Amino acid sequence: MPTDSNTMPIDGRPSGGSTNTGTVLLAANRTVLAGTYPVLGVGYWTTHPSLWALTLCHVVIAVAVSFAITILLFIFLLPLQARALINANCPEWAAWLVSVLFTLIESSVASVVFSLLYIFLFVMDRIFDLVMKQRGHGNIAKRAEELRKRERSFTRGFQRFLHPLSFTLCVILVAPISIIPVVGWYIFFLVNGYFTAWGCHLHYFDQLQMTGKEAHQYMRAHWNEYMSFGWSAGGMGLLPFGIGTFTMFTSTVGSALWAADLEDEHRGPIAELEAVAAGIGPAPAIAATV
């Protein structure tokens, strides 16, 4: 008797049509779930006081250094700028007024750049590591090193320094496009989402000793999930009244929760590498470089 294409065959496996439908639904569910992790990060952060101390401690340091930068610029740079304007035949009162305004702008830019670099290079990684440790994955870097069996310096060191600067620059350059309805909004959120998605697991990829090429290959293999996370976290980062700054920390918590779930479900890059090492089969995302 012929069987319908949507029924279950005798061997108990779903038919081709059911398999394809199930795969699509599973991918859609994972994409939607990835977008919820930034929100889950807020809840996790608020219920774990150890993260409060870690976050606030480094925020105080960043604020203190930014304050010191402002004072130093006013002590040393302000007089130099005023004298230069006076020597250029600018009225003295106007020279000092313009110099004060310039120094305020310069100190603001310097403080923002320092804060971003400090937060991205030091604070975010520590928050990520603490959450991974709390979730039982504190030894992930050691597992990756034992699996690789080779010394590899990850070229991402410079990328880690460059990421916050390139992200800020791209957002500034693309921001004017956002005034264009629909198309401008799409371009802005595409750029913002990509950089946010790339940065969310940058430390995770580094712990696994992955090259930049391998990391991009893994991201491309899970593109919809990463863009879903990036759009969600990037959108939260645009919230006013300092809320967006706070979500930088909570989105990092969310990215660590996502990485921990990937490890629990054996869907992360390290699981693919372990599959290759065990001879189970090549991993589609990074097999070409292992």
C-alpha atoms as a PDB file:
ATOM      1  CA  MET A   1       0.000   0.000   0.000  1.00  0.00           C
ATOM      2  CA  PRO A   2       1.435   3.374  -0.916  1.00  0.00           C
ATOM      3  CA  THR A   3       2.089   5.752   1.892  1.00  0.00           C
ATOM      4  CA  ASP A   4       1.365   9.452   2.013  1.00  0.00           C
ATOM      5  CA  SER A   5       4.463  11.691   1.912  1.00  0.00           C
ATOM      6  CA  ASN A   6       3.463  13.299   5.218  1.00  0.00           C
ATOM      7  CA  THR A   7       3.007  10.059   7.163  1.00  0.00           C
ATOM      8  CA  MET A   8       5.634   8.276   9.253  1.00  0.00           C
ATOM      9  CA  PRO A   9       7.470   5.497   7.352  1.00  0.00           C
ATOM     10  CA  ILE A  10       7.794   1.985   8.762  1.00  0.00           C
ATOM     11  CA  ASP A  11      11.358   2.571  10.030  1.00  0.00           C
ATOM     12  CA  GLY A  12      10.101   5.296  12.388  1.00  0.00           C
ATOM     13  CA  ARG A  13      11.962   8.163  10.717  1.00  0.00           C
ATOM     14  CA  PRO A  14      10.053  11.177   9.456  1.00  0.00           C
ATOM     15  CA  SER A  15       9.656  11.556   5.738  1.00  0.00           C
ATOM     16  CA  GLY A  16      11.696  14.032   3.715  1.00  0.00           C
ATOM     17  CA  GLY A  17       8.967  16.666   3.779  1.00  0.00           C
ATOM     18  CA  SER A  18       8.518  16.386   7.545  1.00  0.00           C
ATOM     19  CA  THR A  19      12.264  16.534   8.085  1.00  0.00           C
ATOM     20  CA  ASN A  20      12.619  19.705   6.056  1.00  0.00           C
ATOM     21  CA  THR A  21       9.671  21.329   7.836  1.00  0.00           C
ATOM     22  CA  GLY A  22      11.051  20.336  11.221  1.00  0.00           C
ATOM     23  CA  THR A  23      14.480  21.695  10.340  1.00  0.00           C
ATOM     24  CA  VAL A  24      13.017  25.026   9.260  1.00  0.00           C
ATOM     25  CA  LEU A  25      10.932  25.305  12.425  1.00  0.00           C
ATOM     26  CA  LEU A  26      13.920  24.392  14.605  1.00  0.00           C
ATOM     27  CA  ALA A  27      16.087  27.014  12.896  1.00  0.00           C
ATOM     28  CA  ALA A  28      13.326  29.605  13.310  1.00  0.00           C
ATOM     29  CA  ASN A  29      12.965  28.769  17.006  1.00  0.00           C
ATOM     30  CA  ARG A  30      16.713  29.087  17.546  1.00  0.00           C
ATOM     31  CA  THR A  31      16.740  32.426  15.719  1.00  0.00           C
ATOM     32  CA  VAL A  32      13.946  33.793  17.900  1.00  0.00           C
ATOM     33  CA  LEU A  33      15.563  32.375  21.043  1.00  0.00           C
ATOM     34  CA  ALA A  34      18.896  34.042  20.235  1.00  0.00           C
ATOM     35  CA  GLY A  35      17.133  37.408  20.197  1.00  0.00           C
ATOM     36  CA  THR A  36      15.847  36.877  23.735  1.00  0.00           C
ATOM     37  CA  TYR A  37      19.268  36.446  25.345  1.00  0.00           C
ATOM     38  CA  PRO A  38      19.930  40.195  25.806  1.00  0.00           C
ATOM     39  CA  VAL A  39      16.678  40.380  27.785  1.00  0.00           C
ATOM     40  CA  LEU A  40      17.570  37.239  29.733  1.00  0.00           C
ATOM     41  CA  GLY A  41      20.890  38.908  30.535  1.00  0.00           C
ATOM     42  CA  VAL A  42      19.052  41.724  32.337  1.00  0.00           C
ATOM     43  CA  GLY A  43      17.227  39.234  34.549  1.00  0.00           C
ATOM     44  CA  TYR A  44      20.391  37.242  35.266  1.00  0.00           C
ATOM     45  CA  TRP A  45      22.386  40.361  36.130  1.00  0.00           C
ATOM     46  CA  THR A  46      19.746  41.655  38.548  1.00  0.00           C
ATOM     47  CA  THR A  47      19.598  38.337  40.413  1.00  0.00           C
ATOM     48  CA  HIS A  48      23.360  37.791  40.799  1.00  0.00           C
ATOM     49  CA  PRO A  49      25.003  40.326  43.159  1.00  0.00           C
ATOM     50  CA  SER A  50      28.488  39.112  42.200  1.00  0.00           C
ATOM     51  CA  LEU A  51      27.936  40.743  38.817  1.00  0.00           C
ATOM     52  CA  TRP A  52      26.892  44.010  40.471  1.00  0.00           C
ATOM     53  CA  ALA A  53      30.209  44.311  42.289  1.00  0.00           C
ATOM     54  CA  LEU A  54      32.245  43.434  39.213  1.00  0.00           C
ATOM     55  CA  THR A  55      30.359  45.899  37.021  1.00  0.00           C
ATOM     56  CA  LEU A  56      30.215  48.813  39.456  1.00  0.00           C
ATOM     57  CA  CYS A  57      33.873  48.460  40.441  1.00  0.00           C
ATOM     58  CA  HIS A  58      35.067  48.916  36.870  1.00  0.00           C
ATOM     59  CA  VAL A  59      32.513  51.632  36.137  1.00  0.00           C
ATOM     60  CA  VAL A  60      33.930  53.627  39.072  1.00  0.00           C
ATOM     61  CA  ILE A  61      37.447  53.146  37.680  1.00  0.00           C
ATOM     62  CA  ALA A  62      36.361  54.280  34.205  1.00  0.00           C
ATOM     63  CA  VAL A  63      34.595  57.353  35.617  1.00  0.00           C
ATOM     64  CA  ALA A  64      37.581  58.248  37.826  1.00  0.00           C
ATOM     65  CA  VAL A  65      40.039  58.023  34.925  1.00  0.00           C
ATOM     66  CA  SER A  66      37.713  60.007  32.673  1.00  0.00           C
ATOM     67  CA  PHE A  67      37.475  62.693  35.361  1.00  0.00           C
ATOM     68  CA  ALA A  68      41.277  62.765  35.633  1.00  0.00           C
ATOM     69  CA  ILE A  69      41.574  63.097  31.832  1.00  0.00           C
ATOM     70  CA  THR A  70      39.232  66.098  31.907  1.00  0.00           C
ATOM     71  CA  ILE A  71      41.218  67.807  34.670  1.00  0.00           C
ATOM     72  CA  LEU A  72      44.547  67.247  32.902  1.00  0.00           C
ATOM     73  CA  LEU A  73      43.211  68.604  29.622  1.00  0.00           C
ATOM     74  CA  PHE A  74      41.922  71.741  31.337  1.00  0.00           C
ATOM     75  CA  ILE A  75      45.237  72.258  33.156  1.00  0.00           C
ATOM     76  CA  PHE A  76      47.589  71.716  30.211  1.00  0.00           C
ATOM     77  CA  LEU A  77      45.665  71.864  26.919  1.00  0.00           C
ATOM     78  CA  LEU A  78      43.288  74.744  27.636  1.00  0.00           C
ATOM     79  CA  PRO A  79      46.035  77.391  28.135  1.00  0.00           C
ATOM     80  CA  LEU A  80      47.907  76.212  25.010  1.00  0.00           C
ATOM     81  CA  GLN A  81      44.797  76.537  22.854  1.00  0.00           C
ATOM     82  CA  ALA A  82      43.934  79.952  24.316  1.00  0.00           C
ATOM     83  CA  ARG A  83      47.447  81.294  23.704  1.00  0.00           C
ATOM     84  CA  ALA A  84      47.416  79.985  20.146  1.00  0.00           C
ATOM     85  CA  LEU A  85      44.154  81.792  19.428  1.00  0.00           C
ATOM     86  CA  ILE A  86      45.400  84.992  21.083  1.00  0.00           C
ATOM     87  CA  ASN A  87      48.580  84.854  18.991  1.00  0.00           C
ATOM     88  CA  ALA A  88      46.313  84.527  15.948  1.00  0.00           C
ATOM     89  CA  ASN A  89      44.836  87.961  16.830  1.00  0.00           C
ATOM     90  CA  CYS A  90      41.680  86.539  18.367  1.00  0.00           C
ATOM     91  CA  PRO A  91      40.189  88.690  21.187  1.00  0.00           C
ATOM     92  CA  GLU A  92      41.304  87.368  24.534  1.00  0.00           C
ATOM     93  CA  TRP A  93      37.803  86.819  25.912  1.00  0.00           C
ATOM     94  CA  ALA A  94      36.773  84.955  22.733  1.00  0.00           C
ATOM     95  CA  ALA A  95      39.995  82.921  22.747  1.00  0.00           C
ATOM     96  CA  TRP A  96      39.360  81.670  26.277  1.00  0.00           C
ATOM     97  CA  LEU A  97      35.675  81.000  25.594  1.00  0.00           C
ATOM     98  CA  VAL A  98      36.403  79.023  22.429  1.00  0.00           C
ATOM     99  CA  SER A  99      39.246  77.161  24.169  1.00  0.00           C
ATOM    100  CA  VAL A 100      36.933  76.123  27.005  1.00  0.00           C
ATOM    101  CA  LEU A 101      34.374  74.809  24.523  1.00  0.00           C
ATOM    102  CA  PHE A 102      37.066  72.965  22.551  1.00  0.00           C
ATOM    103  CA  THR A 103      38.494  71.448  25.721  1.00  0.00           C
ATOM    104  CA  LEU A 104      35.058  70.264  26.829  1.00  0.00           C
ATOM    105  CA  ILE A 105      34.547  68.556  23.480  1.00  0.00           C
ATOM    106  CA  GLU A 106      38.049  67.060  23.501  1.00  0.00           C
ATOM    107  CA  SER A 107      37.696  65.794  27.060  1.00  0.00           C
ATOM    108  CA  SER A 108      34.304  64.279  26.233  1.00  0.00           C
ATOM    109  CA  VAL A 109      35.678  62.461  23.186  1.00  0.00           C
ATOM    110  CA  ALA A 110      38.760  61.261  25.087  1.00  0.00           C
ATOM    111  CA  SER A 111      36.616  60.053  28.001  1.00  0.00           C
ATOM    112  CA  VAL A 112      34.185  58.204  25.742  1.00  0.00           C
ATOM    113  CA  VAL A 113      36.991  56.524  23.776  1.00  0.00           C
ATOM    114  CA  PHE A 114      38.798  55.491  26.959  1.00  0.00           C
ATOM    115  CA  SER A 115      35.604  54.215  28.591  1.00  0.00           C
ATOM    116  CA  LEU A 116      34.668  52.159  25.532  1.00  0.00           C
ATOM    117  CA  LEU A 117      38.150  50.660  25.218  1.00  0.00           C
ATOM    118  CA  TYR A 118      38.373  49.934  28.936  1.00  0.00           C
ATOM    119  CA  ILE A 119      34.907  48.398  29.114  1.00  0.00           C
ATOM    120  CA  PHE A 120      35.297  46.306  25.942  1.00  0.00           C
ATOM    121  CA  LEU A 121      38.861  45.183  26.618  1.00  0.00           C
ATOM    122  CA  PHE A 122      38.624  44.386  30.324  1.00  0.00           C
ATOM    123  CA  VAL A 123      35.172  44.551  31.894  1.00  0.00           C
ATOM    124  CA  MET A 124      33.166  42.628  29.298  1.00  0.00           C
ATOM    125  CA  ASP A 125      35.572  39.686  29.240  1.00  0.00           C
ATOM    126  CA  ARG A 126      35.516  39.367  33.036  1.00  0.00           C
ATOM    127  CA  ILE A 127      31.731  39.454  33.120  1.00  0.00           C
ATOM    128  CA  PHE A 128      31.594  36.817  30.382  1.00  0.00           C
ATOM    129  CA  ASP A 129      34.072  34.566  32.202  1.00  0.00           C
ATOM    130  CA  LEU A 130      32.220  34.874  35.509  1.00  0.00           C
ATOM    131  CA  VAL A 131      28.881  33.908  33.979  1.00  0.00           C
ATOM    132  CA  MET A 132      30.446  30.970  32.128  1.00  0.00           C
ATOM    133  CA  LYS A 133      32.033  29.820  35.386  1.00  0.00           C
ATOM    134  CA  GLN A 134      28.702  30.081  37.200  1.00  0.00           C
ATOM    135  CA  ARG A 135      27.132  27.983  34.458  1.00  0.00           C
ATOM    136  CA  GLY A 136      29.811  25.304  34.844  1.00  0.00           C
ATOM    137  CA  HIS A 137      31.952  26.115  31.808  1.00  0.00           C
ATOM    138  CA  GLY A 138      34.935  27.767  33.448  1.00  0.00           C
ATOM    139  CA  ASN A 139      37.339  25.243  31.894  1.00  0.00           C
ATOM    140  CA  ILE A 140      36.340  25.880  28.305  1.00  0.00           C
ATOM    141  CA  ALA A 141      39.650  27.505  27.385  1.00  0.00           C
ATOM    142  CA  LYS A 142      41.581  24.517  28.780  1.00  0.00           C
ATOM    143  CA  ARG A 143      39.410  22.084  26.838  1.00  0.00           C
ATOM    144  CA  ALA A 144      40.031  24.001  23.642  1.00  0.00           C
ATOM    145  CA  GLU A 145      43.790  24.057  24.195  1.00  0.00           C
ATOM    146  CA  GLU A 146      43.906  20.310  24.813  1.00  0.00           C
ATOM    147  CA  LEU A 147      41.785  19.712  21.733  1.00  0.00           C
ATOM    148  CA  ARG A 148      43.844  21.839  19.394  1.00  0.00           C
ATOM    149  CA  LYS A 149      47.160  20.283  20.424  1.00  0.00           C
ATOM    150  CA  ARG A 150      49.016  23.204  18.955  1.00  0.00           C
ATOM    151  CA  GLU A 151      50.076  26.692  19.935  1.00  0.00           C
ATOM    152  CA  ARG A 152      48.182  29.369  18.085  1.00  0.00           C
ATOM    153  CA  SER A 153      48.298  33.067  18.690  1.00  0.00           C
ATOM    154  CA  PHE A 154      44.903  34.433  17.826  1.00  0.00           C
ATOM    155  CA  THR A 155      45.190  37.446  15.558  1.00  0.00           C
ATOM    156  CA  ARG A 156      42.111  38.774  17.279  1.00  0.00           C
ATOM    157  CA  GLY A 157      44.242  40.724  19.773  1.00  0.00           C
ATOM    158  CA  PHE A 158      44.272  43.684  17.425  1.00  0.00           C
ATOM    159  CA  GLN A 159      40.643  43.035  16.479  1.00  0.00           C
ATOM    160  CA  ARG A 160      39.700  43.230  20.162  1.00  0.00           C
ATOM    161  CA  PHE A 161      41.262  46.686  20.323  1.00  0.00           C
ATOM    162  CA  LEU A 162      39.836  47.741  16.971  1.00  0.00           C
ATOM    163  CA  HIS A 163      36.273  46.501  17.484  1.00  0.00           C
ATOM    164  CA  PRO A 164      34.895  49.241  19.795  1.00  0.00           C
ATOM    165  CA  LEU A 165      36.551  51.964  17.698  1.00  0.00           C
ATOM    166  CA  SER A 166      35.308  50.605  14.370  1.00  0.00           C
ATOM    167  CA  PHE A 167      31.854  50.025  15.860  1.00  0.00           C
ATOM    168  CA  THR A 168      31.615  53.611  17.114  1.00  0.00           C
ATOM    169  CA  LEU A 169      32.935  55.011  13.826  1.00  0.00           C
ATOM    170  CA  CYS A 170      30.534  52.978  11.690  1.00  0.00           C
ATOM    171  CA  VAL A 171      27.532  53.911  13.824  1.00  0.00           C
ATOM    172  CA  ILE A 172      28.472  57.613  13.530  1.00  0.00           C
ATOM    173  CA  LEU A 173      28.906  57.350   9.758  1.00  0.00           C
ATOM    174  CA  VAL A 174      25.724  55.362   9.213  1.00  0.00           C
ATOM    175  CA  ALA A 175      23.573  57.346  11.677  1.00  0.00           C
ATOM    176  CA  PRO A 176      22.640  60.080   9.127  1.00  0.00           C
ATOM    177  CA  ILE A 177      21.275  57.377   6.810  1.00  0.00           C
ATOM    178  CA  SER A 178      18.741  56.429   9.494  1.00  0.00           C
ATOM    179  CA  ILE A 179      16.686  59.540   8.637  1.00  0.00           C
ATOM    180  CA  ILE A 180      15.655  57.784   5.407  1.00  0.00           C
ATOM    181  CA  PRO A 181      12.448  55.856   6.152  1.00  0.00           C
ATOM    182  CA  VAL A 182      12.558  52.051   5.966  1.00  0.00           C
ATOM    183  CA  VAL A 183      15.747  51.683   3.864  1.00  0.00           C
ATOM    184  CA  GLY A 184      17.822  53.905   6.167  1.00  0.00           C
ATOM    185  CA  TRP A 185      16.505  52.174   9.252  1.00  0.00           C
ATOM    186  CA  TYR A 186      17.305  48.765   7.756  1.00  0.00           C
ATOM    187  CA  ILE A 187      20.889  49.756   6.876  1.00  0.00           C
ATOM    188  CA  PHE A 188      21.488  51.285  10.299  1.00  0.00           C
ATOM    189  CA  PHE A 189      20.216  48.249  12.196  1.00  0.00           C
ATOM    190  CA  LEU A 190      22.059  45.894   9.822  1.00  0.00           C
ATOM    191  CA  VAL A 191      25.413  47.574  10.543  1.00  0.00           C
ATOM    192  CA  ASN A 192      24.671  47.970  14.247  1.00  0.00           C
ATOM    193  CA  GLY A 193      23.433  44.393  14.525  1.00  0.00           C
ATOM    194  CA  TYR A 194      26.458  42.938  12.712  1.00  0.00           C
ATOM    195  CA  PHE A 195      29.036  44.650  14.912  1.00  0.00           C
ATOM    196  CA  THR A 196      27.074  43.826  18.050  1.00  0.00           C
ATOM    197  CA  ALA A 197      26.736  40.179  17.009  1.00  0.00           C
ATOM    198  CA  TRP A 198      30.443  39.921  16.149  1.00  0.00           C
ATOM    199  CA  GLY A 199      31.471  41.470  19.443  1.00  0.00           C
ATOM    200  CA  CYS A 200      29.141  39.395  21.603  1.00  0.00           C
ATOM    201  CA  HIS A 201      31.163  36.167  21.189  1.00  0.00           C
ATOM    202  CA  LEU A 202      34.558  37.647  20.375  1.00  0.00           C
ATOM    203  CA  HIS A 203      35.948  36.566  23.742  1.00  0.00           C
ATOM    204  CA  TYR A 204      34.223  33.191  23.410  1.00  0.00           C
ATOM    205  CA  PHE A 205      35.947  32.544  20.075  1.00  0.00           C
ATOM    206  CA  ASP A 206      39.245  33.704  21.554  1.00  0.00           C
ATOM    207  CA  GLN A 207      38.938  31.204  24.414  1.00  0.00           C
ATOM    208  CA  LEU A 208      38.500  28.480  21.828  1.00  0.00           C
ATOM    209  CA  GLN A 209      41.691  29.679  20.096  1.00  0.00           C
ATOM    210  CA  MET A 210      39.804  30.200  16.848  1.00  0.00           C
ATOM    211  CA  THR A 211      41.238  32.325  14.081  1.00  0.00           C
ATOM    212  CA  GLY A 212      39.308  35.251  12.710  1.00  0.00           C
ATOM    213  CA  LYS A 213      38.474  33.185   9.611  1.00  0.00           C
ATOM    214  CA  GLU A 214      37.121  30.304  11.681  1.00  0.00           C
ATOM    215  CA  ALA A 215      35.029  32.649  13.802  1.00  0.00           C
ATOM    216  CA  HIS A 216      33.505  34.268  10.711  1.00  0.00           C
ATOM    217  CA  GLN A 217      32.791  30.847   9.217  1.00  0.00           C
ATOM    218  CA  TYR A 218      30.972  29.775  12.379  1.00  0.00           C
ATOM    219  CA  MET A 219      29.002  33.039  12.421  1.00  0.00           C
ATOM    220  CA  ARG A 220      28.002  32.617   8.777  1.00  0.00           C
ATOM    221  CA  ALA A 221      26.797  29.086   9.527  1.00  0.00           C
ATOM    222  CA  HIS A 222      24.534  30.545  12.237  1.00  0.00           C
ATOM    223  CA  TRP A 223      23.947  33.940  10.652  1.00  0.00           C
ATOM    224  CA  ASN A 224      20.263  34.346  11.499  1.00  0.00           C
ATOM    225  CA  GLU A 225      20.861  33.566  15.168  1.00  0.00           C
ATOM    226  CA  TYR A 226      23.720  36.040  15.479  1.00  0.00           C
ATOM    227  CA  MET A 227      21.849  38.796  13.674  1.00  0.00           C
ATOM    228  CA  SER A 228      18.812  38.198  15.887  1.00  0.00           C
ATOM    229  CA  PHE A 229      21.003  38.637  18.958  1.00  0.00           C
ATOM    230  CA  GLY A 230      22.756  41.639  17.411  1.00  0.00           C
ATOM    231  CA  TRP A 231      19.545  43.458  16.518  1.00  0.00           C
ATOM    232  CA  SER A 232      18.072  42.833  19.955  1.00  0.00           C
ATOM    233  CA  ALA A 233      21.189  43.891  21.878  1.00  0.00           C
ATOM    234  CA  GLY A 234      21.870  46.798  19.519  1.00  0.00           C
ATOM    235  CA  GLY A 235      18.322  48.074  19.850  1.00  0.00           C
ATOM    236  CA  MET A 236      18.534  47.939  23.641  1.00  0.00           C
ATOM    237  CA  GLY A 237      21.823  49.834  23.455  1.00  0.00           C
ATOM    238  CA  LEU A 238      20.028  52.767  21.816  1.00  0.00           C
ATOM    239  CA  LEU A 239      17.725  53.313  24.801  1.00  0.00           C
ATOM    240  CA  PRO A 240      18.082  56.829  26.322  1.00  0.00           C
ATOM    241  CA  PHE A 241      18.829  58.092  29.856  1.00  0.00           C
ATOM    242  CA  GLY A 242      21.861  55.858  30.360  1.00  0.00           C
ATOM    243  CA  ILE A 243      19.836  52.659  29.979  1.00  0.00           C
ATOM    244  CA  GLY A 244      21.681  51.843  26.765  1.00  0.00           C
ATOM    245  CA  THR A 245      25.031  52.012  28.545  1.00  0.00           C
ATOM    246  CA  PHE A 246      23.751  49.643  31.223  1.00  0.00           C
ATOM    247  CA  THR A 247      22.585  47.157  28.587  1.00  0.00           C
ATOM    248  CA  MET A 248      26.174  46.829  27.318  1.00  0.00           C
ATOM    249  CA  PHE A 249      26.877  44.874  30.510  1.00  0.00           C
ATOM    250  CA  THR A 250      23.631  42.899  30.540  1.00  0.00           C
ATOM    251  CA  SER A 251      23.978  41.978  26.851  1.00  0.00           C
ATOM    252  CA  THR A 252      27.413  40.577  27.668  1.00  0.00           C
ATOM    253  CA  VAL A 253      25.740  38.480  30.357  1.00  0.00           C
ATOM    254  CA  GLY A 254      23.206  37.381  27.741  1.00  0.00           C
ATOM    255  CA  SER A 255      25.956  36.415  25.285  1.00  0.00           C
ATOM    256  CA  ALA A 256      27.582  34.267  27.985  1.00  0.00           C
ATOM    257  CA  LEU A 257      24.245  32.594  28.765  1.00  0.00           C
ATOM    258  CA  TRP A 258      23.902  31.858  25.044  1.00  0.00           C
ATOM    259  CA  ALA A 259      27.418  30.410  24.871  1.00  0.00           C
ATOM    260  CA  ALA A 260      26.725  28.276  27.945  1.00  0.00           C
ATOM    261  CA  ASP A 261      23.529  26.932  26.374  1.00  0.00           C
ATOM    262  CA  LEU A 262      25.414  26.160  23.167  1.00  0.00           C
ATOM    263  CA  GLU A 263      27.923  24.164  25.195  1.00  0.00           C
ATOM    264  CA  ASP A 264      25.177  22.402  27.161  1.00  0.00           C
ATOM    265  CA  GLU A 265      23.476  21.415  23.899  1.00  0.00           C
ATOM    266  CA  HIS A 266      26.796  20.508  22.198  1.00  0.00           C
ATOM    267  CA  ARG A 267      26.159  23.012  19.392  1.00  0.00           C
ATOM    268  CA  GLY A 268      29.109  25.358  19.936  1.00  0.00           C
ATOM    269  CA  PRO A 269      32.378  25.566  17.997  1.00  0.00           C
ATOM    270  CA  ILE A 270      34.167  23.354  20.514  1.00  0.00           C
ATOM    271  CA  ALA A 271      31.573  20.606  19.986  1.00  0.00           C
ATOM    272  CA  GLU A 272      32.266  20.756  16.257  1.00  0.00           C
ATOM    273  CA  LEU A 273      35.995  20.491  16.895  1.00  0.00           C
ATOM    274  CA  GLU A 274      35.471  17.540  19.250  1.00  0.00           C
ATOM    275  CA  ALA A 275      33.368  15.828  16.590  1.00  0.00           C
ATOM    276  CA  VAL A 276      36.206  16.230  14.094  1.00  0.00           C
ATOM    277  CA  ALA A 277      38.787  14.972  16.604  1.00  0.00           C
ATOM    278  CA  ALA A 278      36.622  11.942  17.436  1.00  0.00           C
ATOM    279  CA  GLY A 279      36.217  11.127  13.752  1.00  0.00           C
ATOM    280  CA  ILE A 280      32.427  11.433  13.934  1.00  0.00           C
ATOM    281  CA  GLY A 281      32.365  13.716  10.929  1.00  0.00           C
ATOM    282  CA  PRO A 282      33.527  17.065   9.625  1.00  0.00           C
ATOM    283  CA  ALA A 283      31.975  20.150  11.133  1.00  0.00           C
ATOM    284  CA  PRO A 284      30.340  22.222   8.393  1.00  0.00           C
ATOM    285  CA  ALA A 285      31.343  25.593   9.835  1.00  0.00           C
ATOM    286  CA  ILE A 286      35.038  25.131  10.494  1.00  0.00           C
ATOM    287  CA  ALA A 287      36.072  21.739   9.152  1.00  0.00           C
ATOM    288  CA  ALA A 288      38.039  23.324   6.314  1.00  0.00           C
ATOM    289  CA  THR A 289      40.481  24.948   8.697  1.00  0.00           C
ATOM    290  CA  VAL A 290      40.961  22.193  11.266  1.00  0.00           C
END
